[in-house]
Amino acid sequence: MSPSNVVPLAEPAPADTRAIPRGHLFVDQKLAVGRWLLKVKARLPHGHFGPWIETQKGLCRSLALQCMRLATGGRQDARQELAA
């Protein structure tokens, strides 16, 4: 459920979209998706990433979190490094 103060975003630019393969993802695919998601998240205003995830075909919140966690190695401080 999205917060009531979240303003809907316009359609993402082509650079903000990615085809997520269906079925099982290999570790290298999850790493690539995780790095991409961290960059997208860094550009979005606070509170917009969750609703944006819901608009992406083939991507759910749990998969997004799993990929981002893998990309950061589970380290919170690595998110800023990878988003740059």
N, C-alpha and C. Protein backbone atom coordinates (compact mmCIF):
# COMPACT_ATOMS: atom_id res chain seq x y z
N MET A 1 0.84 -1.17 0.00
CA MET A 1 0.00 0.00 0.00
C MET A 1 0.89 1.23 0.00
N SER A 2 0.58 2.18 -0.84
CA SER A 2 1.40 3.37 -0.93
C SER A 2 0.86 4.47 -0.03
N PRO A 3 1.77 5.31 0.48
CA PRO A 3 1.33 6.41 1.34
C PRO A 3 0.44 7.38 0.57
N SER A 4 -0.44 8.05 1.29
CA SER A 4 -1.38 8.96 0.63
C SER A 4 -0.70 10.23 0.13
N ASN A 5 0.48 10.54 0.65
CA ASN A 5 1.16 11.76 0.23
C ASN A 5 2.09 11.54 -0.96
N VAL A 6 2.09 10.35 -1.53
CA VAL A 6 2.96 10.06 -2.66
C VAL A 6 2.28 10.51 -3.95
N VAL A 7 2.99 11.33 -4.69
CA VAL A 7 2.48 11.82 -5.96
C VAL A 7 2.84 10.81 -7.04
N PRO A 8 1.90 10.40 -7.88
CA PRO A 8 2.24 9.44 -8.93
C PRO A 8 3.30 10.00 -9.87
N LEU A 9 4.21 9.16 -10.26
CA LEU A 9 5.26 9.57 -11.18
C LEU A 9 4.81 9.38 -12.61
N ALA A 10 5.41 10.14 -13.49
CA ALA A 10 5.17 9.95 -14.91
C ALA A 10 5.80 8.62 -15.32
N GLU A 11 5.47 8.18 -16.50
CA GLU A 11 6.07 6.95 -17.01
C GLU A 11 7.59 7.07 -16.97
N PRO A 12 8.28 6.02 -16.55
CA PRO A 12 9.74 6.11 -16.49
C PRO A 12 10.33 6.25 -17.89
N ALA A 13 11.45 6.92 -17.93
CA ALA A 13 12.16 7.07 -19.19
C ALA A 13 12.68 5.71 -19.63
N PRO A 14 12.95 5.52 -20.92
CA PRO A 14 13.44 4.22 -21.38
C PRO A 14 14.67 3.73 -20.62
N ALA A 15 15.52 4.64 -20.17
CA ALA A 15 16.71 4.23 -19.41
C ALA A 15 16.34 3.68 -18.04
N ASP A 16 15.13 3.99 -17.56
CA ASP A 16 14.69 3.53 -16.25
C ASP A 16 13.93 2.21 -16.32
N THR A 17 13.86 1.62 -17.48
CA THR A 17 13.16 0.35 -17.60
C THR A 17 14.15 -0.75 -17.97
N ARG A 18 13.82 -1.93 -17.59
CA ARG A 18 14.70 -3.07 -17.85
C ARG A 18 13.83 -4.30 -17.94
N ALA A 19 14.14 -5.16 -18.87
CA ALA A 19 13.41 -6.42 -18.98
C ALA A 19 13.93 -7.38 -17.92
N ILE A 20 13.06 -7.78 -17.03
CA ILE A 20 13.43 -8.73 -15.99
C ILE A 20 13.05 -10.12 -16.49
N PRO A 21 14.02 -11.02 -16.61
CA PRO A 21 13.69 -12.36 -17.10
C PRO A 21 12.72 -13.07 -16.18
N ARG A 22 11.84 -13.87 -16.76
CA ARG A 22 10.90 -14.65 -15.96
C ARG A 22 11.59 -15.90 -15.44
N GLY A 23 11.11 -16.39 -14.33
CA GLY A 23 11.67 -17.62 -13.77
C GLY A 23 12.88 -17.35 -12.89
N HIS A 24 13.71 -18.34 -12.78
CA HIS A 24 14.88 -18.27 -11.90
C HIS A 24 15.93 -17.31 -12.46
N LEU A 25 16.45 -16.45 -11.61
CA LEU A 25 17.53 -15.56 -12.00
C LEU A 25 18.85 -16.08 -11.45
N PHE A 26 19.87 -16.03 -12.25
CA PHE A 26 21.20 -16.41 -11.79
C PHE A 26 21.77 -15.28 -10.95
N VAL A 27 22.79 -15.59 -10.17
CA VAL A 27 23.37 -14.61 -9.26
C VAL A 27 23.86 -13.37 -10.01
N ASP A 28 24.52 -13.56 -11.15
CA ASP A 28 25.01 -12.40 -11.89
C ASP A 28 23.87 -11.53 -12.40
N GLN A 29 22.74 -12.15 -12.74
CA GLN A 29 21.57 -11.37 -13.15
C GLN A 29 21.00 -10.59 -11.97
N LYS A 30 20.94 -11.24 -10.81
CA LYS A 30 20.43 -10.54 -9.62
C LYS A 30 21.34 -9.38 -9.23
N LEU A 31 22.64 -9.57 -9.37
CA LEU A 31 23.58 -8.48 -9.07
C LEU A 31 23.35 -7.29 -10.00
N ALA A 32 23.19 -7.58 -11.29
CA ALA A 32 22.96 -6.50 -12.26
C ALA A 32 21.65 -5.78 -11.97
N VAL A 33 20.60 -6.53 -11.69
CA VAL A 33 19.31 -5.93 -11.37
C VAL A 33 19.42 -5.12 -10.08
N GLY A 34 20.10 -5.65 -9.09
CA GLY A 34 20.26 -4.95 -7.81
C GLY A 34 21.00 -3.64 -7.96
N ARG A 35 22.06 -3.63 -8.75
CA ARG A 35 22.81 -2.39 -8.98
C ARG A 35 21.95 -1.36 -9.71
N TRP A 36 21.20 -1.84 -10.70
CA TRP A 36 20.30 -0.95 -11.45
C TRP A 36 19.24 -0.36 -10.52
N LEU A 37 18.65 -1.21 -9.66
CA LEU A 37 17.61 -0.74 -8.75
C LEU A 37 18.16 0.29 -7.76
N LEU A 38 19.36 0.08 -7.28
CA LEU A 38 19.96 1.05 -6.35
C LEU A 38 20.15 2.41 -7.02
N LYS A 39 20.53 2.40 -8.28
CA LYS A 39 20.69 3.67 -9.00
C LYS A 39 19.34 4.36 -9.20
N VAL A 40 18.33 3.57 -9.56
CA VAL A 40 16.99 4.14 -9.74
C VAL A 40 16.48 4.69 -8.42
N LYS A 41 16.64 3.92 -7.35
CA LYS A 41 16.16 4.34 -6.03
C LYS A 41 16.81 5.64 -5.59
N ALA A 42 18.09 5.79 -5.88
CA ALA A 42 18.80 7.01 -5.47
C ALA A 42 18.26 8.25 -6.18
N ARG A 43 17.72 8.08 -7.38
CA ARG A 43 17.20 9.22 -8.15
C ARG A 43 15.76 9.58 -7.80
N LEU A 44 15.02 8.64 -7.21
CA LEU A 44 13.61 8.90 -6.91
C LEU A 44 13.45 9.61 -5.57
N PRO A 45 12.43 10.45 -5.45
CA PRO A 45 12.15 11.10 -4.17
C PRO A 45 11.73 10.05 -3.13
N HIS A 46 11.88 10.43 -1.87
CA HIS A 46 11.52 9.54 -0.77
C HIS A 46 10.05 9.11 -0.90
N GLY A 47 9.82 7.82 -0.76
CA GLY A 47 8.46 7.29 -0.81
C GLY A 47 7.97 6.88 -2.18
N HIS A 48 8.78 7.08 -3.22
CA HIS A 48 8.36 6.76 -4.58
C HIS A 48 8.89 5.43 -5.09
N PHE A 49 9.89 4.88 -4.43
CA PHE A 49 10.50 3.65 -4.95
C PHE A 49 9.55 2.46 -4.87
N GLY A 50 8.88 2.28 -3.75
CA GLY A 50 7.94 1.16 -3.60
C GLY A 50 6.85 1.17 -4.67
N PRO A 51 6.16 2.30 -4.84
CA PRO A 51 5.15 2.35 -5.90
C PRO A 51 5.75 2.15 -7.30
N TRP A 52 6.96 2.64 -7.51
CA TRP A 52 7.61 2.45 -8.81
C TRP A 52 7.88 0.97 -9.06
N ILE A 53 8.32 0.24 -8.02
CA ILE A 53 8.58 -1.20 -8.15
C ILE A 53 7.32 -1.91 -8.62
N GLU A 54 6.18 -1.52 -8.08
CA GLU A 54 4.91 -2.18 -8.42
C GLU A 54 4.54 -1.99 -9.89
N THR A 55 5.09 -0.98 -10.54
CA THR A 55 4.78 -0.74 -11.95
C THR A 55 5.68 -1.52 -12.90
N GLN A 56 6.72 -2.15 -12.37
CA GLN A 56 7.69 -2.85 -13.21
C GLN A 56 7.26 -4.29 -13.44
N LYS A 57 7.14 -4.67 -14.70
CA LYS A 57 6.75 -6.05 -15.03
C LYS A 57 7.86 -7.01 -14.64
N GLY A 58 7.48 -8.13 -14.06
CA GLY A 58 8.43 -9.17 -13.70
C GLY A 58 9.21 -8.88 -12.43
N LEU A 59 8.85 -7.82 -11.73
CA LEU A 59 9.60 -7.45 -10.53
C LEU A 59 8.63 -7.23 -9.38
N CYS A 60 8.87 -7.90 -8.28
CA CYS A 60 8.07 -7.69 -7.09
C CYS A 60 8.97 -7.12 -6.00
N ARG A 61 8.36 -6.65 -4.95
CA ARG A 61 9.11 -6.01 -3.87
C ARG A 61 10.15 -6.95 -3.26
N SER A 62 9.77 -8.20 -3.03
CA SER A 62 10.71 -9.13 -2.39
C SER A 62 11.90 -9.43 -3.29
N LEU A 63 11.67 -9.58 -4.59
CA LEU A 63 12.79 -9.81 -5.51
C LEU A 63 13.68 -8.58 -5.57
N ALA A 64 13.07 -7.40 -5.59
CA ALA A 64 13.85 -6.16 -5.63
C ALA A 64 14.75 -6.05 -4.39
N LEU A 65 14.18 -6.32 -3.23
CA LEU A 65 14.97 -6.25 -2.00
C LEU A 65 16.08 -7.29 -1.99
N GLN A 66 15.77 -8.48 -2.48
CA GLN A 66 16.78 -9.54 -2.53
C GLN A 66 17.93 -9.14 -3.45
N CYS A 67 17.62 -8.59 -4.61
CA CYS A 67 18.65 -8.19 -5.56
C CYS A 67 19.49 -7.04 -5.01
N MET A 68 18.85 -6.07 -4.38
CA MET A 68 19.59 -4.94 -3.82
C MET A 68 20.46 -5.39 -2.66
N ARG A 69 19.95 -6.30 -1.83
CA ARG A 69 20.74 -6.81 -0.72
C ARG A 69 21.97 -7.56 -1.24
N LEU A 70 21.78 -8.32 -2.30
CA LEU A 70 22.90 -9.05 -2.89
C LEU A 70 23.92 -8.08 -3.47
N ALA A 71 23.45 -7.03 -4.13
CA ALA A 71 24.35 -6.05 -4.75
C ALA A 71 25.16 -5.28 -3.72
N THR A 72 24.60 -5.09 -2.54
CA THR A 72 25.33 -4.36 -1.50
C THR A 72 26.08 -5.29 -0.57
N GLY A 73 25.92 -6.57 -0.75
CA GLY A 73 26.56 -7.51 0.15
C GLY A 73 25.95 -7.45 1.54
N GLY A 74 24.72 -6.93 1.62
CA GLY A 74 24.04 -6.82 2.90
C GLY A 74 24.46 -5.61 3.71
N ARG A 75 25.36 -4.80 3.16
CA ARG A 75 25.86 -3.62 3.89
C ARG A 75 25.02 -2.40 3.56
N GLN A 76 24.55 -1.71 4.58
CA GLN A 76 23.76 -0.50 4.38
C GLN A 76 24.60 0.61 3.76
N ASP A 77 25.86 0.73 4.17
CA ASP A 77 26.70 1.82 3.68
C ASP A 77 27.09 1.65 2.22
N ALA A 78 26.97 0.45 1.69
CA ALA A 78 27.33 0.20 0.29
C ALA A 78 26.29 0.75 -0.67
N ARG A 79 25.09 1.03 -0.20
CA ARG A 79 24.04 1.53 -1.08
C ARG A 79 24.43 2.86 -1.71
N GLN A 80 25.00 3.75 -0.92
CA GLN A 80 25.40 5.05 -1.46
C GLN A 80 26.54 4.88 -2.47
N GLU A 81 27.45 3.97 -2.20
CA GLU A 81 28.58 3.74 -3.11
C GLU A 81 28.09 3.24 -4.46
N LEU A 82 27.17 2.28 -4.46
CA LEU A 82 26.70 1.69 -5.70
C LEU A 82 25.74 2.61 -6.45
N ALA A 83 25.05 3.47 -5.73
CA ALA A 83 24.10 4.37 -6.38
C ALA A 83 24.80 5.49 -7.14
N ALA A 84 26.03 5.76 -6.79
CA ALA A 84 26.76 6.86 -7.44
C ALA A 84 27.23 6.49 -8.83
